[in-house]
Amino acid sequence: MLPVPDEDLTSLRIVLKMKSMGTDRVTLKIPRPLYEKIKIVIEGSGFSSVNEFVVYILRDLLSVTGTGKKDLSSQEVDAIRKRLENLGYF
């Protein structure tokens, strides 16, 4: 993957439960075109922000993959691939 210039990135604040590290937020940077595409996707969906949608998707992906200690079935891999494709990664 090629590096993306900073002007093409949008910062998202994702709230995480990280009490042991003394903070509850981190900043993730995503390409601005992806951010804009997500804004369009969530219109009328009930999500109040891109941040809320991204947190939902990440939690959903993690619930599918679990801790990563077991192999994923081909159906699980296909479901993840489809979700990432819908988000514009493929």
N, C-alpha and C. Protein backbone atom coordinates (compact mmCIF):
# COMPACT_ATOMS: atom_id res chain seq x y z
N MET A 1 0.85 -1.17 0.00
CA MET A 1 0.00 0.00 0.00
C MET A 1 0.89 1.23 0.00
N LEU A 2 0.57 2.19 -0.86
CA LEU A 2 1.34 3.42 -0.95
C LEU A 2 0.96 4.38 0.16
N PRO A 3 1.93 5.16 0.66
CA PRO A 3 1.59 6.15 1.69
C PRO A 3 0.65 7.20 1.13
N VAL A 4 -0.25 7.68 1.97
CA VAL A 4 -1.22 8.70 1.58
C VAL A 4 -0.77 10.03 2.17
N PRO A 5 -0.69 11.09 1.34
CA PRO A 5 -0.31 12.40 1.88
C PRO A 5 -1.27 12.85 2.97
N ASP A 6 -0.74 13.59 3.96
CA ASP A 6 -1.55 14.03 5.09
C ASP A 6 -2.79 14.82 4.68
N GLU A 7 -2.71 15.59 3.59
CA GLU A 7 -3.88 16.40 3.22
C GLU A 7 -5.04 15.54 2.74
N ASP A 8 -4.79 14.26 2.42
CA ASP A 8 -5.84 13.37 1.98
C ASP A 8 -6.43 12.55 3.13
N LEU A 9 -6.01 12.84 4.35
CA LEU A 9 -6.48 12.06 5.49
C LEU A 9 -7.45 12.86 6.33
N THR A 10 -8.39 12.16 6.93
CA THR A 10 -9.34 12.74 7.85
C THR A 10 -9.17 12.03 9.18
N SER A 11 -9.11 12.78 10.25
CA SER A 11 -8.97 12.17 11.57
C SER A 11 -10.33 11.78 12.12
N LEU A 12 -10.40 10.63 12.71
CA LEU A 12 -11.60 10.16 13.39
C LEU A 12 -11.23 9.89 14.83
N ARG A 13 -12.05 10.34 15.74
CA ARG A 13 -11.81 10.03 17.15
C ARG A 13 -12.67 8.82 17.50
N ILE A 14 -12.01 7.77 17.92
CA ILE A 14 -12.67 6.53 18.29
C ILE A 14 -12.54 6.37 19.80
N VAL A 15 -13.67 6.27 20.49
CA VAL A 15 -13.65 6.13 21.94
C VAL A 15 -13.43 4.66 22.28
N LEU A 16 -12.40 4.39 23.03
CA LEU A 16 -12.07 3.04 23.46
C LEU A 16 -11.97 2.99 24.97
N LYS A 17 -12.24 1.85 25.54
CA LYS A 17 -12.07 1.65 26.97
C LYS A 17 -10.63 1.22 27.22
N MET A 18 -9.78 2.18 27.54
CA MET A 18 -8.37 1.91 27.75
C MET A 18 -7.93 2.55 29.06
N LYS A 19 -8.62 2.22 30.14
CA LYS A 19 -8.35 2.84 31.43
C LYS A 19 -6.92 2.58 31.89
N SER A 20 -6.38 1.41 31.58
CA SER A 20 -5.03 1.10 32.05
C SER A 20 -3.98 2.01 31.41
N MET A 21 -4.28 2.56 30.25
CA MET A 21 -3.34 3.44 29.57
C MET A 21 -3.59 4.90 29.91
N GLY A 22 -4.59 5.18 30.72
CA GLY A 22 -4.85 6.54 31.15
C GLY A 22 -5.59 7.40 30.14
N THR A 23 -6.08 6.82 29.08
CA THR A 23 -6.82 7.58 28.08
C THR A 23 -7.97 6.73 27.55
N ASP A 24 -8.99 7.39 27.05
CA ASP A 24 -10.12 6.64 26.50
C ASP A 24 -10.35 6.96 25.03
N ARG A 25 -9.41 7.65 24.37
CA ARG A 25 -9.56 8.00 22.96
C ARG A 25 -8.25 7.84 22.22
N VAL A 26 -8.39 7.47 20.95
CA VAL A 26 -7.27 7.47 20.03
C VAL A 26 -7.74 8.10 18.73
N THR A 27 -6.82 8.54 17.92
CA THR A 27 -7.16 9.12 16.63
C THR A 27 -6.71 8.17 15.53
N LEU A 28 -7.63 7.83 14.65
CA LEU A 28 -7.32 7.02 13.48
C LEU A 28 -7.44 7.91 12.26
N LYS A 29 -6.52 7.76 11.32
CA LYS A 29 -6.58 8.54 10.10
C LYS A 29 -6.98 7.64 8.94
N ILE A 30 -7.97 8.11 8.18
CA ILE A 30 -8.42 7.38 7.00
C ILE A 30 -8.40 8.34 5.82
N PRO A 31 -8.30 7.82 4.61
CA PRO A 31 -8.32 8.70 3.44
C PRO A 31 -9.63 9.49 3.38
N ARG A 32 -9.53 10.76 3.04
CA ARG A 32 -10.71 11.63 2.96
C ARG A 32 -11.77 11.07 2.01
N PRO A 33 -11.40 10.52 0.83
CA PRO A 33 -12.45 9.97 -0.04
C PRO A 33 -13.25 8.85 0.63
N LEU A 34 -12.57 8.03 1.44
CA LEU A 34 -13.28 6.98 2.17
C LEU A 34 -14.23 7.59 3.20
N TYR A 35 -13.76 8.61 3.90
CA TYR A 35 -14.60 9.31 4.89
C TYR A 35 -15.86 9.86 4.21
N GLU A 36 -15.67 10.50 3.07
CA GLU A 36 -16.81 11.08 2.35
C GLU A 36 -17.77 9.99 1.86
N LYS A 37 -17.22 8.86 1.42
CA LYS A 37 -18.06 7.75 0.97
C LYS A 37 -18.88 7.19 2.12
N ILE A 38 -18.26 7.06 3.30
CA ILE A 38 -18.98 6.57 4.47
C ILE A 38 -20.09 7.54 4.85
N LYS A 39 -19.83 8.85 4.77
CA LYS A 39 -20.87 9.84 5.07
C LYS A 39 -22.10 9.61 4.20
N ILE A 40 -21.87 9.32 2.92
CA ILE A 40 -22.98 9.07 2.00
C ILE A 40 -23.70 7.78 2.36
N VAL A 41 -22.93 6.74 2.67
CA VAL A 41 -23.50 5.42 3.00
C VAL A 41 -24.41 5.50 4.22
N ILE A 42 -24.03 6.30 5.23
CA ILE A 42 -24.80 6.30 6.48
C ILE A 42 -25.99 7.25 6.47
N GLU A 43 -26.14 8.05 5.41
CA GLU A 43 -27.30 8.96 5.34
C GLU A 43 -28.59 8.16 5.47
N GLY A 44 -29.42 8.54 6.42
CA GLY A 44 -30.70 7.88 6.62
C GLY A 44 -30.61 6.50 7.24
N SER A 45 -29.43 6.12 7.73
CA SER A 45 -29.24 4.77 8.26
C SER A 45 -29.48 4.69 9.76
N GLY A 46 -29.55 5.83 10.43
CA GLY A 46 -29.69 5.83 11.88
C GLY A 46 -28.39 6.09 12.61
N PHE A 47 -27.26 6.01 11.89
CA PHE A 47 -25.98 6.37 12.50
C PHE A 47 -25.88 7.89 12.52
N SER A 48 -25.47 8.44 13.65
CA SER A 48 -25.42 9.89 13.78
C SER A 48 -24.11 10.50 13.28
N SER A 49 -23.10 9.65 13.05
CA SER A 49 -21.81 10.17 12.59
C SER A 49 -21.00 9.06 11.94
N VAL A 50 -19.99 9.47 11.19
CA VAL A 50 -19.07 8.50 10.60
C VAL A 50 -18.36 7.75 11.72
N ASN A 51 -18.00 8.46 12.77
CA ASN A 51 -17.33 7.84 13.91
C ASN A 51 -18.18 6.70 14.49
N GLU A 52 -19.45 6.96 14.72
CA GLU A 52 -20.35 5.94 15.28
C GLU A 52 -20.41 4.71 14.37
N PHE A 53 -20.49 4.95 13.06
CA PHE A 53 -20.55 3.86 12.09
C PHE A 53 -19.27 3.03 12.10
N VAL A 54 -18.12 3.71 12.10
CA VAL A 54 -16.83 3.02 12.07
C VAL A 54 -16.65 2.18 13.34
N VAL A 55 -17.02 2.72 14.49
CA VAL A 55 -16.93 1.95 15.73
C VAL A 55 -17.81 0.71 15.64
N TYR A 56 -19.03 0.86 15.11
CA TYR A 56 -19.94 -0.27 14.95
C TYR A 56 -19.32 -1.34 14.06
N ILE A 57 -18.78 -0.93 12.92
CA ILE A 57 -18.19 -1.88 11.96
C ILE A 57 -16.99 -2.59 12.58
N LEU A 58 -16.14 -1.85 13.27
CA LEU A 58 -14.97 -2.46 13.90
C LEU A 58 -15.37 -3.47 14.97
N ARG A 59 -16.35 -3.11 15.78
CA ARG A 59 -16.83 -4.05 16.80
C ARG A 59 -17.43 -5.30 16.16
N ASP A 60 -18.18 -5.10 15.08
CA ASP A 60 -18.79 -6.22 14.38
C ASP A 60 -17.72 -7.13 13.79
N LEU A 61 -16.72 -6.55 13.16
CA LEU A 61 -15.63 -7.35 12.61
C LEU A 61 -14.90 -8.13 13.68
N LEU A 62 -14.65 -7.48 14.81
CA LEU A 62 -13.96 -8.17 15.91
C LEU A 62 -14.81 -9.28 16.50
N SER A 63 -16.11 -9.12 16.52
CA SER A 63 -16.97 -10.17 17.06
C SER A 63 -16.96 -11.38 16.13
N VAL A 64 -16.78 -11.15 14.84
CA VAL A 64 -16.71 -12.25 13.87
C VAL A 64 -15.38 -12.97 13.98
N THR A 65 -14.31 -12.20 14.14
CA THR A 65 -12.98 -12.80 14.16
C THR A 65 -12.57 -13.27 15.54
N GLY A 66 -13.24 -12.79 16.57
CA GLY A 66 -12.89 -13.19 17.93
C GLY A 66 -11.50 -12.72 18.30
N THR A 67 -10.76 -13.58 18.95
CA THR A 67 -9.41 -13.22 19.39
C THR A 67 -8.36 -13.53 18.35
N GLY A 68 -8.76 -14.17 17.26
CA GLY A 68 -7.80 -14.52 16.23
C GLY A 68 -7.08 -15.82 16.51
N LYS A 69 -7.46 -16.53 17.56
CA LYS A 69 -6.77 -17.76 17.93
C LYS A 69 -7.26 -18.97 17.14
N LYS A 70 -8.42 -18.86 16.50
CA LYS A 70 -8.90 -19.98 15.71
C LYS A 70 -8.94 -19.56 14.24
N ASP A 71 -8.87 -20.53 13.37
CA ASP A 71 -8.92 -20.25 11.94
C ASP A 71 -10.35 -19.85 11.56
N LEU A 72 -10.44 -18.92 10.63
CA LEU A 72 -11.74 -18.49 10.14
C LEU A 72 -12.22 -19.45 9.06
N SER A 73 -13.52 -19.67 9.02
CA SER A 73 -14.08 -20.50 7.95
C SER A 73 -14.08 -19.68 6.66
N SER A 74 -14.25 -20.34 5.55
CA SER A 74 -14.28 -19.63 4.27
C SER A 74 -15.48 -18.68 4.22
N GLN A 75 -16.58 -19.04 4.88
CA GLN A 75 -17.75 -18.17 4.93
C GLN A 75 -17.44 -16.90 5.72
N GLU A 76 -16.72 -17.04 6.83
CA GLU A 76 -16.34 -15.87 7.64
C GLU A 76 -15.40 -14.96 6.85
N VAL A 77 -14.45 -15.54 6.16
CA VAL A 77 -13.52 -14.75 5.35
C VAL A 77 -14.28 -14.02 4.26
N ASP A 78 -15.23 -14.70 3.61
CA ASP A 78 -16.04 -14.05 2.57
C ASP A 78 -16.86 -12.90 3.14
N ALA A 79 -17.42 -13.08 4.35
CA ALA A 79 -18.22 -12.03 4.98
C ALA A 79 -17.35 -10.81 5.30
N ILE A 80 -16.16 -11.04 5.80
CA ILE A 80 -15.24 -9.94 6.10
C ILE A 80 -14.82 -9.24 4.82
N ARG A 81 -14.49 -10.03 3.81
CA ARG A 81 -14.07 -9.45 2.53
C ARG A 81 -15.20 -8.59 1.94
N LYS A 82 -16.45 -9.06 2.04
CA LYS A 82 -17.58 -8.31 1.52
C LYS A 82 -17.77 -6.99 2.28
N ARG A 83 -17.63 -7.04 3.61
CA ARG A 83 -17.75 -5.82 4.42
C ARG A 83 -16.68 -4.81 4.06
N LEU A 84 -15.44 -5.29 3.90
CA LEU A 84 -14.35 -4.38 3.55
C LEU A 84 -14.54 -3.81 2.14
N GLU A 85 -15.07 -4.62 1.25
CA GLU A 85 -15.36 -4.15 -0.11
C GLU A 85 -16.42 -3.06 -0.08
N ASN A 86 -17.47 -3.27 0.73
CA ASN A 86 -18.53 -2.26 0.87
C ASN A 86 -18.01 -0.96 1.47
N LEU A 87 -16.93 -1.03 2.23
CA LEU A 87 -16.32 0.16 2.81
C LEU A 87 -15.30 0.81 1.87
N GLY A 88 -15.07 0.18 0.72
CA GLY A 88 -14.18 0.78 -0.26
C GLY A 88 -12.74 0.35 -0.17
N TYR A 89 -12.45 -0.69 0.58
CA TYR A 89 -11.06 -1.15 0.70
C TYR A 89 -10.62 -2.02 -0.47
N PHE A 90 -11.55 -2.65 -1.17
CA PHE A 90 -11.20 -3.50 -2.32
C PHE A 90 -11.81 -2.90 -3.57
